[in-house]
Amino acid sequence: MKLKLDENLGRQVAALLREAGHDVQTVPGEGLSGAADQTVWAAATAEERVLVTLDLDFADPIRFRPAAGVVVLRLPVNSSPSYLLLLAGQLVRALVTHSPVQTLWIVEPGRLRIRQTEI
Protein backbone atom coordinates (compact mmCIF):
# COMPACT_ATOMS: atom_id res chain seq x y z
CA MET A 1 0.00 0.00 0.00
CA LYS A 2 1.30 3.47 -0.89
CA LEU A 3 1.00 5.73 2.15
CA LYS A 4 1.89 9.33 2.96
CA LEU A 5 2.29 10.03 6.67
CA ASP A 6 1.50 13.49 7.96
CA GLU A 7 4.11 15.26 10.05
CA ASN A 8 2.24 14.53 13.28
CA LEU A 9 2.95 10.78 13.20
CA GLY A 10 6.71 10.51 13.59
CA ARG A 11 9.45 8.08 12.62
CA GLN A 12 8.32 5.15 14.74
CA VAL A 13 4.93 4.96 13.02
CA ALA A 14 6.65 5.20 9.62
CA ALA A 15 9.03 2.40 10.60
CA LEU A 16 6.18 0.19 11.82
CA LEU A 17 4.31 0.59 8.52
CA ARG A 18 7.47 0.01 6.46
CA GLU A 19 8.25 -3.15 8.44
CA ALA A 20 4.76 -4.37 7.54
CA GLY A 21 5.71 -4.00 3.86
CA HIS A 22 4.06 -0.69 2.97
CA ASP A 23 5.56 1.98 0.70
CA VAL A 24 5.74 4.95 3.08
CA GLN A 25 6.62 8.55 2.31
CA THR A 26 6.42 11.27 4.97
CA VAL A 27 5.48 14.92 4.86
CA PRO A 28 8.77 15.96 6.55
CA GLY A 29 10.76 13.69 4.25
CA GLU A 30 9.34 15.52 1.25
CA GLY A 31 10.02 18.98 2.69
CA LEU A 32 6.35 19.73 3.36
CA SER A 33 6.56 20.30 7.13
CA GLY A 34 4.35 23.22 8.10
CA ALA A 35 2.57 23.19 4.74
CA ALA A 36 -1.13 23.96 4.55
CA ASP A 37 -3.52 21.00 4.67
CA GLN A 38 -4.49 21.60 1.04
CA THR A 39 -0.82 21.36 -0.03
CA VAL A 40 -0.33 18.08 1.86
CA TRP A 41 -3.57 16.75 0.40
CA ALA A 42 -2.56 17.74 -3.14
CA ALA A 43 0.81 15.99 -2.76
CA ALA A 44 -0.79 12.76 -1.47
CA THR A 45 -3.40 12.81 -4.23
CA ALA A 46 -0.84 13.51 -6.98
CA GLU A 47 1.27 10.57 -5.76
CA GLU A 48 -1.83 8.34 -5.38
CA ARG A 49 -0.94 7.73 -1.75
CA VAL A 50 -3.34 7.18 1.12
CA LEU A 51 -2.89 10.02 3.60
CA VAL A 52 -2.45 8.86 7.22
CA THR A 53 -2.82 11.60 9.84
CA LEU A 54 -3.94 12.63 13.30
CA ASP A 55 -5.44 15.84 11.87
CA LEU A 56 -9.24 15.66 12.16
CA ASP A 57 -9.61 18.32 9.45
CA PHE A 58 -8.90 15.57 6.90
CA ALA A 59 -11.98 13.67 8.14
CA ASP A 60 -14.14 16.15 6.19
CA PRO A 61 -14.97 14.22 2.97
CA ILE A 62 -16.40 17.33 1.32
CA ARG A 63 -13.23 19.37 1.75
CA PHE A 64 -10.84 16.43 1.26
CA ARG A 65 -12.53 13.90 -1.01
CA PRO A 66 -10.76 10.61 -0.25
CA ALA A 67 -9.92 9.72 -3.87
CA ALA A 68 -6.58 8.15 -2.96
CA GLY A 69 -7.82 7.45 0.57
CA VAL A 70 -7.58 9.04 4.01
CA VAL A 71 -6.86 7.38 7.34
CA VAL A 72 -7.39 9.47 10.47
CA LEU A 73 -6.03 8.02 13.70
CA ARG A 74 -8.12 9.22 16.65
CA LEU A 75 -6.25 9.19 19.92
CA PRO A 76 -7.94 9.60 23.29
CA VAL A 77 -7.23 12.89 25.05
CA ASN A 78 -3.84 12.98 26.84
CA SER A 79 -2.58 9.81 25.15
CA SER A 80 1.05 8.79 25.43
CA PRO A 81 3.33 8.25 22.42
CA SER A 82 3.17 4.52 23.09
CA TYR A 83 -0.61 4.70 22.61
CA LEU A 84 -0.03 6.12 19.13
CA LEU A 85 2.08 3.06 18.31
CA LEU A 86 -0.70 0.84 19.60
CA LEU A 87 -3.17 2.55 17.26
CA ALA A 88 -0.68 2.32 14.37
CA GLY A 89 -0.45 -1.42 15.04
CA GLN A 90 -4.23 -1.61 14.81
CA LEU A 91 -3.96 0.13 11.41
CA VAL A 92 -1.32 -2.38 10.25
CA ARG A 93 -3.63 -5.26 11.14
CA ALA A 94 -6.59 -3.64 9.33
CA LEU A 95 -4.49 -3.13 6.18
CA VAL A 96 -4.02 -6.90 5.94
CA THR A 97 -7.69 -7.44 5.09
CA HIS A 98 -9.00 -4.04 3.95
CA SER A 99 -7.93 -1.26 1.60
CA PRO A 100 -8.44 2.41 2.44
CA VAL A 101 -8.27 3.42 -1.23
CA GLN A 102 -11.21 5.70 -2.09
CA THR A 103 -12.45 5.59 1.49
CA LEU A 104 -12.19 7.56 4.68
CA TRP A 105 -11.06 5.48 7.64
CA ILE A 106 -11.35 6.64 11.23
CA VAL A 107 -9.21 4.37 13.38
CA GLU A 108 -10.05 4.52 17.08
CA PRO A 109 -9.00 2.22 19.91
CA GLY A 110 -10.63 -1.14 19.11
CA ARG A 111 -12.73 0.32 16.29
CA LEU A 112 -12.45 1.02 12.56
CA ARG A 113 -15.07 3.20 10.86
CA ILE A 114 -15.10 3.17 7.06
CA ARG A 115 -16.87 5.69 4.87
CA GLN A 116 -17.04 4.89 1.17
CA THR A 117 -16.45 7.62 -1.39
CA GLU A 118 -19.57 8.61 -3.26
CA ILE A 119 -18.91 8.51 -7.00
C-alpha atoms as a PDB file:
ATOM      1  CA  MET A   1       0.000   0.000   0.000  1.00  0.00           C
ATOM      2  CA  LYS A   2       1.304   3.466  -0.893  1.00  0.00           C
ATOM      3  CA  LEU A   3       1.003   5.735   2.153  1.00  0.00           C
ATOM      4  CA  LYS A   4       1.893   9.334   2.964  1.00  0.00           C
ATOM      5  CA  LEU A   5       2.290  10.032   6.674  1.00  0.00           C
ATOM      6  CA  ASP A   6       1.496  13.492   7.959  1.00  0.00           C
ATOM      7  CA  GLU A   7       4.105  15.264  10.046  1.00  0.00           C
ATOM      8  CA  ASN A   8       2.236  14.532  13.281  1.00  0.00           C
ATOM      9  CA  LEU A   9       2.949  10.780  13.199  1.00  0.00           C
ATOM     10  CA  GLY A  10       6.708  10.514  13.594  1.00  0.00           C
ATOM     11  CA  ARG A  11       9.449   8.082  12.620  1.00  0.00           C
ATOM     12  CA  GLN A  12       8.317   5.148  14.742  1.00  0.00           C
ATOM     13  CA  VAL A  13       4.931   4.957  13.023  1.00  0.00           C
ATOM     14  CA  ALA A  14       6.648   5.199   9.621  1.00  0.00           C
ATOM     15  CA  ALA A  15       9.032   2.400  10.599  1.00  0.00           C
ATOM     16  CA  LEU A  16       6.176   0.193  11.823  1.00  0.00           C
ATOM     17  CA  LEU A  17       4.313   0.589   8.519  1.00  0.00           C
ATOM     18  CA  ARG A  18       7.465   0.006   6.460  1.00  0.00           C
ATOM     19  CA  GLU A  19       8.249  -3.152   8.442  1.00  0.00           C
ATOM     20  CA  ALA A  20       4.759  -4.366   7.540  1.00  0.00           C
ATOM     21  CA  GLY A  21       5.708  -3.999   3.856  1.00  0.00           C
ATOM     22  CA  HIS A  22       4.065  -0.693   2.968  1.00  0.00           C
ATOM     23  CA  ASP A  23       5.564   1.984   0.696  1.00  0.00           C
ATOM     24  CA  VAL A  24       5.737   4.955   3.079  1.00  0.00           C
ATOM     25  CA  GLN A  25       6.623   8.552   2.315  1.00  0.00           C
ATOM     26  CA  THR A  26       6.422  11.265   4.966  1.00  0.00           C
ATOM     27  CA  VAL A  27       5.480  14.920   4.862  1.00  0.00           C
ATOM     28  CA  PRO A  28       8.772  15.957   6.554  1.00  0.00           C
ATOM     29  CA  GLY A  29      10.761  13.686   4.247  1.00  0.00           C
ATOM     30  CA  GLU A  30       9.337  15.517   1.247  1.00  0.00           C
ATOM     31  CA  GLY A  31      10.018  18.980   2.689  1.00  0.00           C
ATOM     32  CA  LEU A  32       6.345  19.731   3.365  1.00  0.00           C
ATOM     33  CA  SER A  33       6.558  20.298   7.132  1.00  0.00           C
ATOM     34  CA  GLY A  34       4.351  23.217   8.101  1.00  0.00           C
ATOM     35  CA  ALA A  35       2.572  23.189   4.736  1.00  0.00           C
ATOM     36  CA  ALA A  36      -1.134  23.963   4.554  1.00  0.00           C
ATOM     37  CA  ASP A  37      -3.517  20.997   4.673  1.00  0.00           C
ATOM     38  CA  GLN A  38      -4.489  21.601   1.043  1.00  0.00           C
ATOM     39  CA  THR A  39      -0.825  21.357  -0.026  1.00  0.00           C
ATOM     40  CA  VAL A  40      -0.333  18.080   1.857  1.00  0.00           C
ATOM     41  CA  TRP A  41      -3.575  16.746   0.402  1.00  0.00           C
ATOM     42  CA  ALA A  42      -2.564  17.744  -3.138  1.00  0.00           C
ATOM     43  CA  ALA A  43       0.807  15.990  -2.762  1.00  0.00           C
ATOM     44  CA  ALA A  44      -0.790  12.764  -1.471  1.00  0.00           C
ATOM     45  CA  THR A  45      -3.396  12.806  -4.226  1.00  0.00           C
ATOM     46  CA  ALA A  46      -0.842  13.513  -6.975  1.00  0.00           C
ATOM     47  CA  GLU A  47       1.265  10.568  -5.760  1.00  0.00           C
ATOM     48  CA  GLU A  48      -1.827   8.338  -5.383  1.00  0.00           C
ATOM     49  CA  ARG A  49      -0.943   7.735  -1.746  1.00  0.00           C
ATOM     50  CA  VAL A  50      -3.341   7.177   1.120  1.00  0.00           C
ATOM     51  CA  LEU A  51      -2.886  10.022   3.602  1.00  0.00           C
ATOM     52  CA  VAL A  52      -2.448   8.860   7.217  1.00  0.00           C
ATOM     53  CA  THR A  53      -2.815  11.597   9.839  1.00  0.00           C
ATOM     54  CA  LEU A  54      -3.944  12.627  13.305  1.00  0.00           C
ATOM     55  CA  ASP A  55      -5.441  15.836  11.868  1.00  0.00           C
ATOM     56  CA  LEU A  56      -9.238  15.661  12.159  1.00  0.00           C
ATOM     57  CA  ASP A  57      -9.615  18.317   9.448  1.00  0.00           C
ATOM     58  CA  PHE A  58      -8.897  15.568   6.900  1.00  0.00           C
ATOM     59  CA  ALA A  59     -11.979  13.672   8.137  1.00  0.00           C
ATOM     60  CA  ASP A  60     -14.142  16.151   6.188  1.00  0.00           C
ATOM     61  CA  PRO A  61     -14.974  14.224   2.973  1.00  0.00           C
ATOM     62  CA  ILE A  62     -16.402  17.329   1.323  1.00  0.00           C
ATOM     63  CA  ARG A  63     -13.228  19.372   1.747  1.00  0.00           C
ATOM     64  CA  PHE A  64     -10.843  16.434   1.259  1.00  0.00           C
ATOM     65  CA  ARG A  65     -12.533  13.901  -1.011  1.00  0.00           C
ATOM     66  CA  PRO A  66     -10.763  10.613  -0.245  1.00  0.00           C
ATOM     67  CA  ALA A  67      -9.919   9.717  -3.869  1.00  0.00           C
ATOM     68  CA  ALA A  68      -6.581   8.146  -2.963  1.00  0.00           C
ATOM     69  CA  GLY A  69      -7.823   7.452   0.570  1.00  0.00           C
ATOM     70  CA  VAL A  70      -7.584   9.036   4.011  1.00  0.00           C
ATOM     71  CA  VAL A  71      -6.863   7.376   7.345  1.00  0.00           C
ATOM     72  CA  VAL A  72      -7.389   9.470  10.470  1.00  0.00           C
ATOM     73  CA  LEU A  73      -6.027   8.015  13.704  1.00  0.00           C
ATOM     74  CA  ARG A  74      -8.121   9.220  16.655  1.00  0.00           C
ATOM     75  CA  LEU A  75      -6.253   9.188  19.925  1.00  0.00           C
ATOM     76  CA  PRO A  76      -7.941   9.602  23.289  1.00  0.00           C
ATOM     77  CA  VAL A  77      -7.230  12.890  25.053  1.00  0.00           C
ATOM     78  CA  ASN A  78      -3.841  12.982  26.842  1.00  0.00           C
ATOM     79  CA  SER A  79      -2.579   9.813  25.148  1.00  0.00           C
ATOM     80  CA  SER A  80       1.046   8.789  25.432  1.00  0.00           C
ATOM     81  CA  PRO A  81       3.333   8.255  22.419  1.00  0.00           C
ATOM     82  CA  SER A  82       3.168   4.522  23.090  1.00  0.00           C
ATOM     83  CA  TYR A  83      -0.608   4.696  22.610  1.00  0.00           C
ATOM     84  CA  LEU A  84      -0.026   6.117  19.128  1.00  0.00           C
ATOM     85  CA  LEU A  85       2.084   3.056  18.308  1.00  0.00           C
ATOM     86  CA  LEU A  86      -0.705   0.835  19.597  1.00  0.00           C
ATOM     87  CA  LEU A  87      -3.170   2.546  17.262  1.00  0.00           C
ATOM     88  CA  ALA A  88      -0.678   2.321  14.375  1.00  0.00           C
ATOM     89  CA  GLY A  89      -0.449  -1.424  15.043  1.00  0.00           C
ATOM     90  CA  GLN A  90      -4.227  -1.614  14.805  1.00  0.00           C
ATOM     91  CA  LEU A  91      -3.957   0.126  11.415  1.00  0.00           C
ATOM     92  CA  VAL A  92      -1.318  -2.381  10.247  1.00  0.00           C
ATOM     93  CA  ARG A  93      -3.632  -5.264  11.142  1.00  0.00           C
ATOM     94  CA  ALA A  94      -6.587  -3.638   9.329  1.00  0.00           C
ATOM     95  CA  LEU A  95      -4.486  -3.127   6.185  1.00  0.00           C
ATOM     96  CA  VAL A  96      -4.018  -6.897   5.942  1.00  0.00           C
ATOM     97  CA  THR A  97      -7.694  -7.441   5.089  1.00  0.00           C
ATOM     98  CA  HIS A  98      -8.996  -4.038   3.951  1.00  0.00           C
ATOM     99  CA  SER A  99      -7.926  -1.264   1.599  1.00  0.00           C
ATOM    100  CA  PRO A 100      -8.441   2.407   2.443  1.00  0.00           C
ATOM    101  CA  VAL A 101      -8.268   3.422  -1.229  1.00  0.00           C
ATOM    102  CA  GLN A 102     -11.213   5.698  -2.093  1.00  0.00           C
ATOM    103  CA  THR A 103     -12.453   5.593   1.485  1.00  0.00           C
ATOM    104  CA  LEU A 104     -12.192   7.561   4.684  1.00  0.00           C
ATOM    105  CA  TRP A 105     -11.062   5.483   7.640  1.00  0.00           C
ATOM    106  CA  ILE A 106     -11.352   6.641  11.228  1.00  0.00           C
ATOM    107  CA  VAL A 107      -9.205   4.371  13.385  1.00  0.00           C
ATOM    108  CA  GLU A 108     -10.048   4.515  17.084  1.00  0.00           C
ATOM    109  CA  PRO A 109      -8.997   2.219  19.906  1.00  0.00           C
ATOM    110  CA  GLY A 110     -10.631  -1.136  19.113  1.00  0.00           C
ATOM    111  CA  ARG A 111     -12.735   0.316  16.290  1.00  0.00           C
ATOM    112  CA  LEU A 112     -12.451   1.018  12.561  1.00  0.00           C
ATOM    113  CA  ARG A 113     -15.065   3.201  10.865  1.00  0.00           C
ATOM    114  CA  ILE A 114     -15.096   3.168   7.063  1.00  0.00           C
ATOM    115  CA  ARG A 115     -16.871   5.694   4.865  1.00  0.00           C
ATOM    116  CA  GLN A 116     -17.035   4.888   1.169  1.00  0.00           C
ATOM    117  CA  THR A 117     -16.449   7.621  -1.387  1.00  0.00           C
ATOM    118  CA  GLU A 118     -19.570   8.610  -3.264  1.00  0.00           C
ATOM    119  CA  ILE A 119     -18.911   8.512  -7.001  1.00  0.00           C
END
